Amino acid sequence: MALRSLRAAGAAWLLLGSIAGSAFGQGDKVAPSGAAAHATDAAQIAELVAANRILADQGVLDAFGHVSVRSSQDPSRFLQARSGAPALVTAADIVEFDLDARPVDPGDKSVPLERFIHSEIYKARPDVKAIVHSHAPAVIPFGITAEKLRPVYHMGSFLGTGAPVFEIRDGAGSATDLLIRTPAIGAALAKTLGSASVVLLRGHGDAVVGTSLPEAVFRAIYTAQNADLEAAALRLGAVNFLTPEEAKAATATNAVALNKAWLMWKQQVAAKR
């Protein structure tokens, strides 16, 4: 079944399927990649829509930010919603991209300006299956000060020894709008991320990666919570951070248990449809 038909089929699961296109903001209008569309997993589209709704419901995404997932049918492609508010995403809004961030079949959809965050990280990290970019307020201070975002409790253990900070001025100068608008800036961001799970964008939030969509969502939510807790702890005094060994052990434990949170979050957003 073609991607367009699968979107329509998946829409039955999704809430607010009748939301007008005017609810979505402007993005890039780009030519399609020229590659043929192929069968895409309708269940994966539904999960991506759920991820958008969960991240909005949890306050990680607001009208801005985005989440993507590597295609289960072709690892050289990824799925992401067109430009618009995550809380309003439906299956009909999902666009398939190649790893040059070109839409395979964009139709009349405006694609996200910052899709290069996703395309370039997927290129650099074959292990990454999903990515969240948010402007969660709690993380911003750690990208603009000398304080490093490090794990203060077991749920933030994936932060390891601390999240690196991407400085866009280093490669793009001091007159940008801080957005990741080009493949070159996206590649520089991916290089700063390296093998980490989270990279902070100075003055612009974070990008969080996972080996699955539930893991990326889990990490995005707990990155913001860890940032809140770390900021609170710093106001009280010296902080006793997790050791690298503790962080590694807790991350392994959480990887087994995170589906419990994913299923709960999905049920919560489904109940609100």
C-alpha atoms as a PDB file:
ATOM      1  CA  MET A   1       0.000   0.000   0.000  1.00  0.00           C
ATOM      2  CA  ALA A   2       1.379   3.454  -0.876  1.00  0.00           C
ATOM      3  CA  LEU A   3       2.338   5.873   1.875  1.00  0.00           C
ATOM      4  CA  ARG A   4      -0.556   8.195   1.057  1.00  0.00           C
ATOM      5  CA  SER A   5      -3.091   5.385   1.464  1.00  0.00           C
ATOM      6  CA  LEU A   6      -1.493   4.266   4.703  1.00  0.00           C
ATOM      7  CA  ARG A   7      -1.721   7.764   6.062  1.00  0.00           C
ATOM      8  CA  ALA A   8      -5.423   7.763   5.387  1.00  0.00           C
ATOM      9  CA  ALA A   9      -5.835   4.358   7.013  1.00  0.00           C
ATOM     10  CA  GLY A  10      -3.832   5.389  10.065  1.00  0.00           C
ATOM     11  CA  ALA A  11      -5.911   8.500  10.491  1.00  0.00           C
ATOM     12  CA  ALA A  12      -8.761   6.401  11.858  1.00  0.00           C
ATOM     13  CA  TRP A  13      -6.691   5.753  14.975  1.00  0.00           C
ATOM     14  CA  LEU A  14      -5.754   9.353  15.417  1.00  0.00           C
ATOM     15  CA  LEU A  15      -7.576  12.120  17.147  1.00  0.00           C
ATOM     16  CA  LEU A  16      -8.688  15.338  15.557  1.00  0.00           C
ATOM     17  CA  GLY A  17      -8.431  13.919  12.069  1.00  0.00           C
ATOM     18  CA  SER A  18     -10.493  16.792  10.739  1.00  0.00           C
ATOM     19  CA  ILE A  19      -8.086  19.532  11.832  1.00  0.00           C
ATOM     20  CA  ALA A  20      -7.753  22.045   9.036  1.00  0.00           C
ATOM     21  CA  GLY A  21      -4.428  22.571   7.292  1.00  0.00           C
ATOM     22  CA  SER A  22      -4.514  26.172   8.445  1.00  0.00           C
ATOM     23  CA  ALA A  23      -3.536  24.940  11.911  1.00  0.00           C
ATOM     24  CA  PHE A  24      -0.040  24.333  10.583  1.00  0.00           C
ATOM     25  CA  GLY A  25       2.678  26.896  10.199  1.00  0.00           C
ATOM     26  CA  GLN A  26       4.866  27.696   7.261  1.00  0.00           C
ATOM     27  CA  GLY A  27       7.942  25.640   6.458  1.00  0.00           C
ATOM     28  CA  ASP A  28      10.051  25.024   3.380  1.00  0.00           C
ATOM     29  CA  LYS A  29       8.425  24.180   0.071  1.00  0.00           C
ATOM     30  CA  VAL A  30      10.909  21.862  -1.605  1.00  0.00           C
ATOM     31  CA  ALA A  31      10.989  19.602  -4.627  1.00  0.00           C
ATOM     32  CA  PRO A  32      10.519  15.892  -4.006  1.00  0.00           C
ATOM     33  CA  SER A  33      13.565  13.634  -3.987  1.00  0.00           C
ATOM     34  CA  GLY A  34      12.526  11.810  -7.142  1.00  0.00           C
ATOM     35  CA  ALA A  35      12.715   8.472  -5.324  1.00  0.00           C
ATOM     36  CA  ALA A  36       9.684   6.251  -5.573  1.00  0.00           C
ATOM     37  CA  ALA A  37       7.398   6.043  -2.571  1.00  0.00           C
ATOM     38  CA  HIS A  38       7.136   2.546  -1.165  1.00  0.00           C
ATOM     39  CA  ALA A  39       5.011   0.701   1.334  1.00  0.00           C
ATOM     40  CA  THR A  40       5.405   2.211   4.785  1.00  0.00           C
ATOM     41  CA  ASP A  41       4.282   0.667   8.044  1.00  0.00           C
ATOM     42  CA  ALA A  42       0.949   2.244   9.012  1.00  0.00           C
ATOM     43  CA  ALA A  43       1.536   1.214  12.616  1.00  0.00           C
ATOM     44  CA  GLN A  44       4.798   3.156  12.637  1.00  0.00           C
ATOM     45  CA  ILE A  45       2.990   6.250  11.385  1.00  0.00           C
ATOM     46  CA  ALA A  46       0.444   5.871  14.181  1.00  0.00           C
ATOM     47  CA  GLU A  47       3.248   5.537  16.731  1.00  0.00           C
ATOM     48  CA  LEU A  48       4.907   8.701  15.406  1.00  0.00           C
ATOM     49  CA  VAL A  49       1.642  10.621  15.736  1.00  0.00           C
ATOM     50  CA  ALA A  50       1.326   9.308  19.292  1.00  0.00           C
ATOM     51  CA  ALA A  51       4.875  10.478  20.017  1.00  0.00           C
ATOM     52  CA  ASN A  52       3.993  14.002  18.898  1.00  0.00           C
ATOM     53  CA  ARG A  53       0.903  13.998  21.117  1.00  0.00           C
ATOM     54  CA  ILE A  54       2.779  12.571  24.119  1.00  0.00           C
ATOM     55  CA  LEU A  55       5.597  15.097  23.940  1.00  0.00           C
ATOM     56  CA  ALA A  56       3.079  17.945  23.701  1.00  0.00           C
ATOM     57  CA  ASP A  57       1.023  16.502  26.566  1.00  0.00           C
ATOM     58  CA  GLN A  58       4.129  16.208  28.741  1.00  0.00           C
ATOM     59  CA  GLY A  59       5.107  19.829  28.043  1.00  0.00           C
ATOM     60  CA  VAL A  60       8.338  18.956  26.226  1.00  0.00           C
ATOM     61  CA  LEU A  61       7.032  20.279  22.898  1.00  0.00           C
ATOM     62  CA  ASP A  62       4.704  23.252  22.568  1.00  0.00           C
ATOM     63  CA  ALA A  63       3.763  24.852  19.258  1.00  0.00           C
ATOM     64  CA  PHE A  64       7.342  24.168  18.164  1.00  0.00           C
ATOM     65  CA  GLY A  65       9.787  21.287  18.115  1.00  0.00           C
ATOM     66  CA  HIS A  66       9.515  17.957  16.318  1.00  0.00           C
ATOM     67  CA  VAL A  67      10.078  14.233  16.481  1.00  0.00           C
ATOM     68  CA  SER A  68      11.071  11.785  13.761  1.00  0.00           C
ATOM     69  CA  VAL A  69      11.570   8.049  13.335  1.00  0.00           C
ATOM     70  CA  ARG A  70      13.758   6.106  10.937  1.00  0.00           C
ATOM     71  CA  SER A  71      11.625   4.137   8.477  1.00  0.00           C
ATOM     72  CA  SER A  72      11.064   0.532   9.468  1.00  0.00           C
ATOM     73  CA  GLN A  73      10.960  -0.326   5.757  1.00  0.00           C
ATOM     74  CA  ASP A  74      14.057   1.540   4.576  1.00  0.00           C
ATOM     75  CA  PRO A  75      16.798   2.785   6.942  1.00  0.00           C
ATOM     76  CA  SER A  76      17.834   5.390   4.373  1.00  0.00           C
ATOM     77  CA  ARG A  77      14.550   7.233   4.984  1.00  0.00           C
ATOM     78  CA  PHE A  78      12.804   8.772   7.956  1.00  0.00           C
ATOM     79  CA  LEU A  79       9.309   9.969   8.830  1.00  0.00           C
ATOM     80  CA  GLN A  80       8.464  13.362  10.302  1.00  0.00           C
ATOM     81  CA  ALA A  81       5.366  15.535  10.457  1.00  0.00           C
ATOM     82  CA  ARG A  82       5.032  18.527   8.188  1.00  0.00           C
ATOM     83  CA  SER A  83       5.602  21.955   9.699  1.00  0.00           C
ATOM     84  CA  GLY A  84       3.020  22.490  12.434  1.00  0.00           C
ATOM     85  CA  ALA A  85       2.178  22.189  16.110  1.00  0.00           C
ATOM     86  CA  PRO A  86       2.936  18.684  17.468  1.00  0.00           C
ATOM     87  CA  ALA A  87      -0.308  18.503  19.450  1.00  0.00           C
ATOM     88  CA  LEU A  88      -2.277  18.768  16.196  1.00  0.00           C
ATOM     89  CA  VAL A  89      -0.418  16.151  14.153  1.00  0.00           C
ATOM     90  CA  THR A  90      -2.439  13.436  12.395  1.00  0.00           C
ATOM     91  CA  ALA A  91      -1.391  10.573  10.135  1.00  0.00           C
ATOM     92  CA  ALA A  92      -2.151  12.717   7.099  1.00  0.00           C
ATOM     93  CA  ASP A  93       0.597  15.139   8.151  1.00  0.00           C
ATOM     94  CA  ILE A  94       3.429  12.603   8.097  1.00  0.00           C
ATOM     95  CA  VAL A  95       6.016  13.057   5.346  1.00  0.00           C
ATOM     96  CA  GLU A  96       8.689  10.574   4.289  1.00  0.00           C
ATOM     97  CA  PHE A  97      12.196  11.973   3.718  1.00  0.00           C
ATOM     98  CA  ASP A  98      15.433  10.618   2.326  1.00  0.00           C
ATOM     99  CA  LEU A  99      18.678  11.209   4.235  1.00  0.00           C
ATOM    100  CA  ASP A 100      19.295  14.420   2.298  1.00  0.00           C
ATOM    101  CA  ALA A 101      16.092  15.711   3.940  1.00  0.00           C
ATOM    102  CA  ARG A 102      14.211  15.736   0.647  1.00  0.00           C
ATOM    103  CA  PRO A 103      10.556  14.674   0.825  1.00  0.00           C
ATOM    104  CA  VAL A 104       9.766  11.602  -1.214  1.00  0.00           C
ATOM    105  CA  ASP A 105       6.196  12.760  -1.860  1.00  0.00           C
ATOM    106  CA  PRO A 106       5.468  16.075  -0.140  1.00  0.00           C
ATOM    107  CA  GLY A 107       2.177  16.777  -1.851  1.00  0.00           C
ATOM    108  CA  ASP A 108       1.114  20.258  -0.799  1.00  0.00           C
ATOM    109  CA  LYS A 109       2.752  20.041   2.632  1.00  0.00           C
ATOM    110  CA  SER A 110       5.255  22.531   4.011  1.00  0.00           C
ATOM    111  CA  VAL A 111       8.193  20.574   5.366  1.00  0.00           C
ATOM    112  CA  PRO A 112      10.020  21.570   8.587  1.00  0.00           C
ATOM    113  CA  LEU A 113      12.827  24.074   8.242  1.00  0.00           C
ATOM    114  CA  GLU A 114      14.975  22.116  10.673  1.00  0.00           C
ATOM    115  CA  ARG A 115      14.605  18.679   9.139  1.00  0.00           C
ATOM    116  CA  PHE A 116      18.410  18.697   8.760  1.00  0.00           C
ATOM    117  CA  ILE A 117      18.713  18.021  12.506  1.00  0.00           C
ATOM    118  CA  HIS A 118      17.179  14.654  11.759  1.00  0.00           C
ATOM    119  CA  SER A 119      18.713  13.818   8.388  1.00  0.00           C
ATOM    120  CA  GLU A 120      22.285  14.548   9.428  1.00  0.00           C
ATOM    121  CA  ILE A 121      22.069  12.691  12.745  1.00  0.00           C
ATOM    122  CA  TYR A 122      20.599   9.662  10.975  1.00  0.00           C
ATOM    123  CA  LYS A 123      23.483   9.811   8.496  1.00  0.00           C
ATOM    124  CA  ALA A 124      26.101  10.005  11.237  1.00  0.00           C
ATOM    125  CA  ARG A 125      24.503   7.537  13.665  1.00  0.00           C
ATOM    126  CA  PRO A 126      23.197   4.273  12.135  1.00  0.00           C
ATOM    127  CA  ASP A 127      22.220   3.159  15.655  1.00  0.00           C
ATOM    128  CA  VAL A 128      19.741   6.035  16.026  1.00  0.00           C
ATOM    129  CA  LYS A 129      16.146   5.150  15.177  1.00  0.00           C
ATOM    130  CA  ALA A 130      14.335   8.238  16.491  1.00  0.00           C
ATOM    131  CA  ILE A 131      15.097  11.881  17.295  1.00  0.00           C
ATOM    132  CA  VAL A 132      13.342  14.596  19.299  1.00  0.00           C
ATOM    133  CA  HIS A 133      14.177  18.291  19.023  1.00  0.00           C
ATOM    134  CA  SER A 134      12.609  20.444  21.725  1.00  0.00           C
ATOM    135  CA  HIS A 135      12.858  23.908  23.207  1.00  0.00           C
ATOM    136  CA  ALA A 136      12.074  22.646  26.723  1.00  0.00           C
ATOM    137  CA  PRO A 137      12.719  25.677  28.976  1.00  0.00           C
ATOM    138  CA  ALA A 138      14.444  23.624  31.675  1.00  0.00           C
ATOM    139  CA  VAL A 139      17.340  22.686  29.398  1.00  0.00           C
ATOM    140  CA  ILE A 140      18.065  26.175  28.029  1.00  0.00           C
ATOM    141  CA  PRO A 141      20.177  27.397  31.002  1.00  0.00           C
ATOM    142  CA  PHE A 142      22.575  24.476  30.603  1.00  0.00           C
ATOM    143  CA  GLY A 143      23.322  25.471  27.011  1.00  0.00           C
ATOM    144  CA  ILE A 144      24.115  29.100  27.851  1.00  0.00           C
ATOM    145  CA  THR A 145      26.136  28.766  31.074  1.00  0.00           C
ATOM    146  CA  ALA A 146      29.182  26.842  32.245  1.00  0.00           C
ATOM    147  CA  GLU A 147      26.999  24.371  34.147  1.00  0.00           C
ATOM    148  CA  LYS A 148      26.939  20.995  32.415  1.00  0.00           C
ATOM    149  CA  LEU A 149      23.735  18.988  32.157  1.00  0.00           C
ATOM    150  CA  ARG A 150      24.588  15.758  33.982  1.00  0.00           C
ATOM    151  CA  PRO A 151      22.493  12.954  35.510  1.00  0.00           C
ATOM    152  CA  VAL A 152      21.300  13.702  39.022  1.00  0.00           C
ATOM    153  CA  TYR A 153      18.956  10.713  39.307  1.00  0.00           C
ATOM    154  CA  HIS A 154      18.506   7.312  37.734  1.00  0.00           C
ATOM    155  CA  MET A 155      15.863   8.422  35.237  1.00  0.00           C
ATOM    156  CA  GLY A 156      18.348  10.837  33.664  1.00  0.00           C
ATOM    157  CA  SER A 157      21.145   8.269  33.595  1.00  0.00           C
ATOM    158  CA  PHE A 158      21.394   8.294  29.763  1.00  0.00           C
ATOM    159  CA  LEU A 159      23.030  11.732  30.099  1.00  0.00           C
ATOM    160  CA  GLY A 160      26.178   9.836  31.060  1.00  0.00           C
ATOM    161  CA  THR A 161      29.041  12.187  31.796  1.00  0.00           C
ATOM    162  CA  GLY A 162      27.079  15.169  30.514  1.00  0.00           C
ATOM    163  CA  ALA A 163      25.419  16.565  27.400  1.00  0.00           C
ATOM    164  CA  PRO A 164      27.717  18.352  24.922  1.00  0.00           C
ATOM    165  CA  VAL A 165      26.743  21.850  23.757  1.00  0.00           C
ATOM    166  CA  PHE A 166      26.527  22.807  20.095  1.00  0.00           C
ATOM    167  CA  GLU A 167      27.683  26.355  19.356  1.00  0.00           C
ATOM    168  CA  ILE A 168      26.273  27.392  15.988  1.00  0.00           C
ATOM    169  CA  ARG A 169      28.568  30.421  15.839  1.00  0.00           C
ATOM    170  CA  ASP A 170      31.592  28.184  15.397  1.00  0.00           C
ATOM    171  CA  GLY A 171      30.589  27.108  11.926  1.00  0.00           C
ATOM    172  CA  ALA A 172      27.886  29.523  10.805  1.00  0.00           C
ATOM    173  CA  GLY A 173      28.956  32.840  12.293  1.00  0.00           C
ATOM    174  CA  SER A 174      27.223  35.178  14.709  1.00  0.00           C
ATOM    175  CA  ALA A 175      24.329  36.370  12.534  1.00  0.00           C
ATOM    176  CA  THR A 176      22.157  33.235  12.312  1.00  0.00           C
ATOM    177  CA  ASP A 177      18.661  32.839  13.729  1.00  0.00           C
ATOM    178  CA  LEU A 178      20.005  29.749  15.604  1.00  0.00           C
ATOM    179  CA  LEU A 179      17.940  27.387  13.439  1.00  0.00           C
ATOM    180  CA  ILE A 180      19.499  24.311  11.818  1.00  0.00           C
ATOM    181  CA  ARG A 181      18.586  25.331   8.293  1.00  0.00           C
ATOM    182  CA  THR A 182      21.242  23.593   6.178  1.00  0.00           C
ATOM    183  CA  PRO A 183      22.882  20.181   5.820  1.00  0.00           C
ATOM    184  CA  ALA A 184      26.234  21.685   6.828  1.00  0.00           C
ATOM    185  CA  ILE A 185      24.906  23.029  10.124  1.00  0.00           C
ATOM    186  CA  GLY A 186      23.068  19.763  10.718  1.00  0.00           C
ATOM    187  CA  ALA A 187      26.282  17.820  10.127  1.00  0.00           C
ATOM    188  CA  ALA A 188      28.121  20.049  12.599  1.00  0.00           C
ATOM    189  CA  LEU A 189      25.400  19.391  15.162  1.00  0.00           C
ATOM    190  CA  ALA A 190      25.666  15.638  14.590  1.00  0.00           C
ATOM    191  CA  LYS A 191      29.431  15.860  15.081  1.00  0.00           C
ATOM    192  CA  THR A 192      28.962  17.633  18.417  1.00  0.00           C
ATOM    193  CA  LEU A 193      26.432  14.991  19.480  1.00  0.00           C
ATOM    194  CA  GLY A 194      29.009  12.307  18.767  1.00  0.00           C
ATOM    195  CA  SER A 195      28.097   9.104  20.599  1.00  0.00           C
ATOM    196  CA  ALA A 196      26.015  10.903  23.251  1.00  0.00           C
ATOM    197  CA  SER A 197      22.258  10.581  23.770  1.00  0.00           C
ATOM    198  CA  VAL A 198      21.579  14.311  24.112  1.00  0.00           C
ATOM    199  CA  VAL A 199      23.121  17.435  22.615  1.00  0.00           C
ATOM    200  CA  LEU A 200      22.188  20.939  23.757  1.00  0.00           C
ATOM    201  CA  LEU A 201      21.849  23.719  21.205  1.00  0.00           C
ATOM    202  CA  ARG A 202      23.062  26.973  22.693  1.00  0.00           C
ATOM    203  CA  GLY A 203      20.023  29.210  23.114  1.00  0.00           C
ATOM    204  CA  HIS A 204      17.866  26.727  21.221  1.00  0.00           C
ATOM    205  CA  GLY A 205      16.965  23.658  23.265  1.00  0.00           C
ATOM    206  CA  ASP A 206      18.198  20.140  22.631  1.00  0.00           C
ATOM    207  CA  ALA A 207      18.232  17.135  20.324  1.00  0.00           C
ATOM    208  CA  VAL A 208      17.679  13.746  21.933  1.00  0.00           C
ATOM    209  CA  VAL A 209      18.233  10.401  20.219  1.00  0.00           C
ATOM    210  CA  GLY A 210      17.159   6.833  20.915  1.00  0.00           C
ATOM    211  CA  THR A 211      17.419   3.328  19.524  1.00  0.00           C
ATOM    212  CA  SER A 212      13.621   3.316  19.272  1.00  0.00           C
ATOM    213  CA  LEU A 213      10.814   5.864  19.190  1.00  0.00           C
ATOM    214  CA  PRO A 214       9.693   5.070  22.766  1.00  0.00           C
ATOM    215  CA  GLU A 215      13.273   5.448  23.981  1.00  0.00           C
ATOM    216  CA  ALA A 216      13.742   8.838  22.287  1.00  0.00           C
ATOM    217  CA  VAL A 217      10.452  10.091  23.775  1.00  0.00           C
ATOM    218  CA  PHE A 218      11.401   8.714  27.212  1.00  0.00           C
ATOM    219  CA  ARG A 219      14.779  10.449  27.052  1.00  0.00           C
ATOM    220  CA  ALA A 220      13.325  13.757  25.867  1.00  0.00           C
ATOM    221  CA  ILE A 221      10.894  13.818  28.788  1.00  0.00           C
ATOM    222  CA  TYR A 222      13.460  12.855  31.398  1.00  0.00           C
ATOM    223  CA  THR A 223      16.089  15.213  29.981  1.00  0.00           C
ATOM    224  CA  ALA A 224      13.758  18.091  30.858  1.00  0.00           C
ATOM    225  CA  GLN A 225      12.979  16.614  34.278  1.00  0.00           C
ATOM    226  CA  ASN A 226      16.653  16.036  35.052  1.00  0.00           C
ATOM    227  CA  ALA A 227      17.402  19.639  34.071  1.00  0.00           C
ATOM    228  CA  ASP A 228      14.720  20.881  36.471  1.00  0.00           C
ATOM    229  CA  LEU A 229      16.103  18.768  39.302  1.00  0.00           C
ATOM    230  CA  GLU A 230      19.711  19.716  38.627  1.00  0.00           C
ATOM    231  CA  ALA A 231      18.880  23.417  38.633  1.00  0.00           C
ATOM    232  CA  ALA A 232      17.031  22.989  41.934  1.00  0.00           C
ATOM    233  CA  ALA A 233      19.923  21.041  43.456  1.00  0.00           C
ATOM    234  CA  LEU A 234      22.477  23.635  42.349  1.00  0.00           C
ATOM    235  CA  ARG A 235      20.547  26.290  44.248  1.00  0.00           C
ATOM    236  CA  LEU A 236      20.943  24.210  47.427  1.00  0.00           C
ATOM    237  CA  GLY A 237      24.654  23.540  47.133  1.00  0.00           C
ATOM    238  CA  ALA A 238      27.135  21.015  45.772  1.00  0.00           C
ATOM    239  CA  VAL A 239      25.515  18.263  43.706  1.00  0.00           C
ATOM    240  CA  ASN A 240      26.279  14.550  44.046  1.00  0.00           C
ATOM    241  CA  PHE A 241      25.938  13.427  40.420  1.00  0.00           C
ATOM    242  CA  LEU A 242      25.673   9.839  39.234  1.00  0.00           C
ATOM    243  CA  THR A 243      29.026   8.228  38.559  1.00  0.00           C
ATOM    244  CA  PRO A 244      29.658   6.943  35.021  1.00  0.00           C
ATOM    245  CA  GLU A 245      29.254   3.403  36.334  1.00  0.00           C
ATOM    246  CA  GLU A 246      25.929   4.218  37.992  1.00  0.00           C
ATOM    247  CA  ALA A 247      24.735   5.972  34.857  1.00  0.00           C
ATOM    248  CA  LYS A 248      25.599   2.981  32.671  1.00  0.00           C
ATOM    249  CA  ALA A 249      23.880   0.493  34.983  1.00  0.00           C
ATOM    250  CA  ALA A 250      20.735   2.611  35.388  1.00  0.00           C
ATOM    251  CA  THR A 251      20.493   3.183  31.635  1.00  0.00           C
ATOM    252  CA  ALA A 252      20.528  -0.575  31.035  1.00  0.00           C
ATOM    253  CA  THR A 253      17.775  -1.068  33.619  1.00  0.00           C
ATOM    254  CA  ASN A 254      15.620   1.723  32.195  1.00  0.00           C
ATOM    255  CA  ALA A 255      15.970   0.373  28.654  1.00  0.00           C
ATOM    256  CA  VAL A 256      14.140  -2.769  29.750  1.00  0.00           C
ATOM    257  CA  ALA A 257      11.436  -0.918  31.684  1.00  0.00           C
ATOM    258  CA  LEU A 258      10.707   2.166  29.541  1.00  0.00           C
ATOM    259  CA  ASN A 259       7.876   0.543  27.613  1.00  0.00           C
ATOM    260  CA  LYS A 260       5.807   0.759  30.800  1.00  0.00           C
ATOM    261  CA  ALA A 261       5.979   4.548  30.581  1.00  0.00           C
ATOM    262  CA  TRP A 262       5.392   4.553  26.811  1.00  0.00           C
ATOM    263  CA  LEU A 263       2.175   2.560  27.106  1.00  0.00           C
ATOM    264  CA  MET A 264       0.909   4.785  29.925  1.00  0.00           C
ATOM    265  CA  TRP A 265       1.637   7.967  27.966  1.00  0.00           C
ATOM    266  CA  LYS A 266      -0.102   6.573  24.880  1.00  0.00           C
ATOM    267  CA  GLN A 267      -3.195   5.736  26.893  1.00  0.00           C
ATOM    268  CA  GLN A 268      -3.238   9.185  28.450  1.00  0.00           C
ATOM    269  CA  VAL A 269      -3.231  10.999  25.103  1.00  0.00           C
ATOM    270  CA  ALA A 270      -5.709   8.557  23.583  1.00  0.00           C
ATOM    271  CA  ALA A 271      -8.126   9.285  26.454  1.00  0.00           C
ATOM    272  CA  LYS A 272      -8.005  12.983  25.518  1.00  0.00           C
ATOM    273  CA  ARG A 273      -8.928  12.564  21.879  1.00  0.00           C
END
